[in-house]
Amino acid sequence: RRPCHGDDARRAADPHWRDLLLFHEYFHGETGQGLGASHQTGWTALVIRHVEDLARHRNK
């Protein structure tokens, strides 16, 4: 059982879900359950990658 999944038994037992790790905006201070958006995971890294690419091309 992972604290970020809270009491969701499906994510603890189902082989298709148990290894899925979601990165939430914030977590419950006492239980560790993930709260807030998790659907935005990866967007920040994608944007940073494009900003880096733009900077590289401008510096050539």
N, C-alpha and C. Protein backbone atom coordinates (compact mmCIF):
# COMPACT_ATOMS: atom_id res chain seq x y z
N ARG A 1 0.84 -1.19 0.00
CA ARG A 1 0.00 0.00 0.00
C ARG A 1 0.87 1.24 0.00
N ARG A 2 0.56 2.16 -0.89
CA ARG A 2 1.30 3.42 -0.96
C ARG A 2 0.44 4.53 -0.37
N PRO A 3 1.00 5.33 0.51
CA PRO A 3 0.21 6.40 1.12
C PRO A 3 -0.44 7.34 0.10
N CYS A 4 0.22 7.58 -1.01
CA CYS A 4 -0.33 8.53 -1.99
C CYS A 4 -1.63 8.03 -2.62
N HIS A 5 -1.91 6.72 -2.54
CA HIS A 5 -3.14 6.17 -3.10
C HIS A 5 -4.28 6.16 -2.10
N GLY A 6 -4.02 6.52 -0.87
CA GLY A 6 -5.07 6.56 0.14
C GLY A 6 -5.67 5.19 0.37
N ASP A 7 -6.98 5.12 0.46
CA ASP A 7 -7.68 3.86 0.74
C ASP A 7 -8.18 3.17 -0.53
N ASP A 8 -7.68 3.54 -1.68
CA ASP A 8 -8.11 2.95 -2.94
C ASP A 8 -7.53 1.54 -3.08
N ALA A 9 -8.34 0.53 -2.76
CA ALA A 9 -7.89 -0.86 -2.78
C ALA A 9 -7.46 -1.31 -4.17
N ARG A 10 -8.08 -0.77 -5.20
CA ARG A 10 -7.73 -1.15 -6.57
C ARG A 10 -6.25 -0.88 -6.84
N ARG A 11 -5.77 0.23 -6.38
CA ARG A 11 -4.37 0.58 -6.64
C ARG A 11 -3.40 -0.20 -5.77
N ALA A 12 -3.89 -0.81 -4.73
CA ALA A 12 -3.02 -1.61 -3.86
C ALA A 12 -2.93 -3.06 -4.33
N ALA A 13 -4.01 -3.59 -4.92
CA ALA A 13 -4.06 -5.02 -5.23
C ALA A 13 -4.03 -5.34 -6.73
N ASP A 14 -4.63 -4.52 -7.55
CA ASP A 14 -4.73 -4.81 -8.98
C ASP A 14 -3.36 -4.70 -9.65
N PRO A 15 -2.90 -5.75 -10.33
CA PRO A 15 -1.57 -5.71 -10.95
C PRO A 15 -1.42 -4.63 -12.03
N HIS A 16 -2.53 -4.17 -12.57
CA HIS A 16 -2.47 -3.12 -13.59
C HIS A 16 -2.34 -1.73 -12.98
N TRP A 17 -2.63 -1.60 -11.71
CA TRP A 17 -2.61 -0.29 -11.05
C TRP A 17 -1.57 -0.17 -9.94
N ARG A 18 -1.18 -1.28 -9.33
CA ARG A 18 -0.37 -1.19 -8.10
C ARG A 18 1.00 -0.55 -8.28
N ASP A 19 1.56 -0.60 -9.48
CA ASP A 19 2.87 0.02 -9.70
C ASP A 19 2.77 1.42 -10.30
N LEU A 20 1.55 1.91 -10.49
CA LEU A 20 1.34 3.25 -11.03
C LEU A 20 1.61 4.28 -9.94
N LEU A 21 2.51 5.18 -10.23
CA LEU A 21 2.81 6.26 -9.28
C LEU A 21 2.33 7.57 -9.88
N LEU A 22 1.48 8.25 -9.16
CA LEU A 22 0.99 9.54 -9.60
C LEU A 22 1.71 10.63 -8.82
N PHE A 23 1.97 11.72 -9.47
CA PHE A 23 2.61 12.86 -8.83
C PHE A 23 1.58 13.96 -8.70
N HIS A 24 1.12 14.16 -7.49
CA HIS A 24 0.06 15.13 -7.23
C HIS A 24 0.65 16.49 -6.91
N GLU A 25 -0.21 17.50 -6.96
CA GLU A 25 0.21 18.86 -6.63
C GLU A 25 0.64 18.97 -5.17
N TYR A 26 -0.09 18.29 -4.31
CA TYR A 26 0.23 18.33 -2.88
C TYR A 26 -0.30 17.07 -2.22
N PHE A 27 0.08 16.87 -0.97
CA PHE A 27 -0.27 15.65 -0.25
C PHE A 27 -0.86 15.98 1.11
N HIS A 28 -1.73 15.10 1.59
CA HIS A 28 -2.33 15.26 2.91
C HIS A 28 -1.22 15.14 3.95
N GLY A 29 -1.15 16.08 4.86
CA GLY A 29 -0.07 16.13 5.84
C GLY A 29 -0.03 14.96 6.80
N GLU A 30 -1.16 14.35 7.10
CA GLU A 30 -1.18 13.26 8.08
C GLU A 30 -1.20 11.88 7.43
N THR A 31 -1.89 11.73 6.31
CA THR A 31 -2.01 10.41 5.70
C THR A 31 -1.07 10.19 4.52
N GLY A 32 -0.60 11.26 3.92
CA GLY A 32 0.27 11.14 2.75
C GLY A 32 -0.48 10.93 1.45
N GLN A 33 -1.83 10.90 1.51
CA GLN A 33 -2.63 10.69 0.30
C GLN A 33 -2.43 11.85 -0.66
N GLY A 34 -2.25 11.51 -1.94
CA GLY A 34 -2.08 12.52 -2.97
C GLY A 34 -3.36 13.31 -3.19
N LEU A 35 -3.23 14.61 -3.27
CA LEU A 35 -4.38 15.50 -3.48
C LEU A 35 -4.06 16.46 -4.61
N GLY A 36 -5.07 17.07 -5.14
CA GLY A 36 -4.84 18.03 -6.21
C GLY A 36 -4.61 17.34 -7.54
N ALA A 37 -4.28 18.12 -8.52
CA ALA A 37 -4.14 17.61 -9.88
C ALA A 37 -2.98 16.63 -10.01
N SER A 38 -3.23 15.56 -10.73
CA SER A 38 -2.16 14.63 -11.08
C SER A 38 -2.06 14.53 -12.59
N HIS A 39 -3.03 15.09 -13.29
CA HIS A 39 -3.08 14.97 -14.75
C HIS A 39 -2.08 15.88 -15.44
N GLN A 40 -1.45 16.77 -14.71
CA GLN A 40 -0.52 17.70 -15.33
C GLN A 40 0.93 17.22 -15.25
N THR A 41 1.13 16.05 -14.72
CA THR A 41 2.48 15.51 -14.58
C THR A 41 3.16 15.46 -15.94
N GLY A 42 4.34 16.00 -16.01
CA GLY A 42 5.10 15.95 -17.24
C GLY A 42 5.08 17.24 -18.04
N TRP A 43 4.06 18.06 -17.86
CA TRP A 43 3.98 19.30 -18.63
C TRP A 43 5.12 20.24 -18.31
N THR A 44 5.47 20.34 -17.05
CA THR A 44 6.55 21.25 -16.67
C THR A 44 7.85 20.83 -17.33
N ALA A 45 8.15 19.55 -17.29
CA ALA A 45 9.38 19.05 -17.91
C ALA A 45 9.36 19.28 -19.41
N LEU A 46 8.22 19.10 -20.04
CA LEU A 46 8.11 19.32 -21.47
C LEU A 46 8.36 20.79 -21.83
N VAL A 47 7.77 21.69 -21.07
CA VAL A 47 7.95 23.12 -21.32
C VAL A 47 9.41 23.51 -21.11
N ILE A 48 10.02 23.02 -20.05
CA ILE A 48 11.43 23.34 -19.78
C ILE A 48 12.30 22.84 -20.92
N ARG A 49 12.01 21.67 -21.43
CA ARG A 49 12.79 21.12 -22.55
C ARG A 49 12.71 22.05 -23.76
N HIS A 50 11.53 22.56 -24.05
CA HIS A 50 11.38 23.46 -25.20
C HIS A 50 12.07 24.80 -24.95
N VAL A 51 12.02 25.29 -23.74
CA VAL A 51 12.72 26.54 -23.41
C VAL A 51 14.23 26.34 -23.58
N GLU A 52 14.74 25.20 -23.14
CA GLU A 52 16.16 24.91 -23.32
C GLU A 52 16.52 24.84 -24.81
N ASP A 53 15.68 24.19 -25.60
CA ASP A 53 15.92 24.11 -27.04
C ASP A 53 15.95 25.49 -27.68
N LEU A 54 15.01 26.35 -27.30
CA LEU A 54 14.98 27.71 -27.83
C LEU A 54 16.25 28.47 -27.45
N ALA A 55 16.67 28.33 -26.21
CA ALA A 55 17.88 29.02 -25.75
C ALA A 55 19.11 28.54 -26.52
N ARG A 56 19.19 27.24 -26.77
CA ARG A 56 20.32 26.69 -27.52
C ARG A 56 20.36 27.26 -28.94
N HIS A 57 19.22 27.34 -29.58
CA HIS A 57 19.16 27.84 -30.95
C HIS A 57 19.47 29.34 -31.02
N ARG A 58 19.08 30.08 -30.02
CA ARG A 58 19.36 31.52 -30.00
C ARG A 58 20.83 31.81 -29.75
N ASN A 59 21.50 30.92 -29.05
CA ASN A 59 22.91 31.14 -28.71
C ASN A 59 23.86 30.66 -29.81
N LYS A 60 23.34 30.12 -30.89
CA LYS A 60 24.20 29.63 -31.98
C LYS A 60 24.66 30.77 -32.85
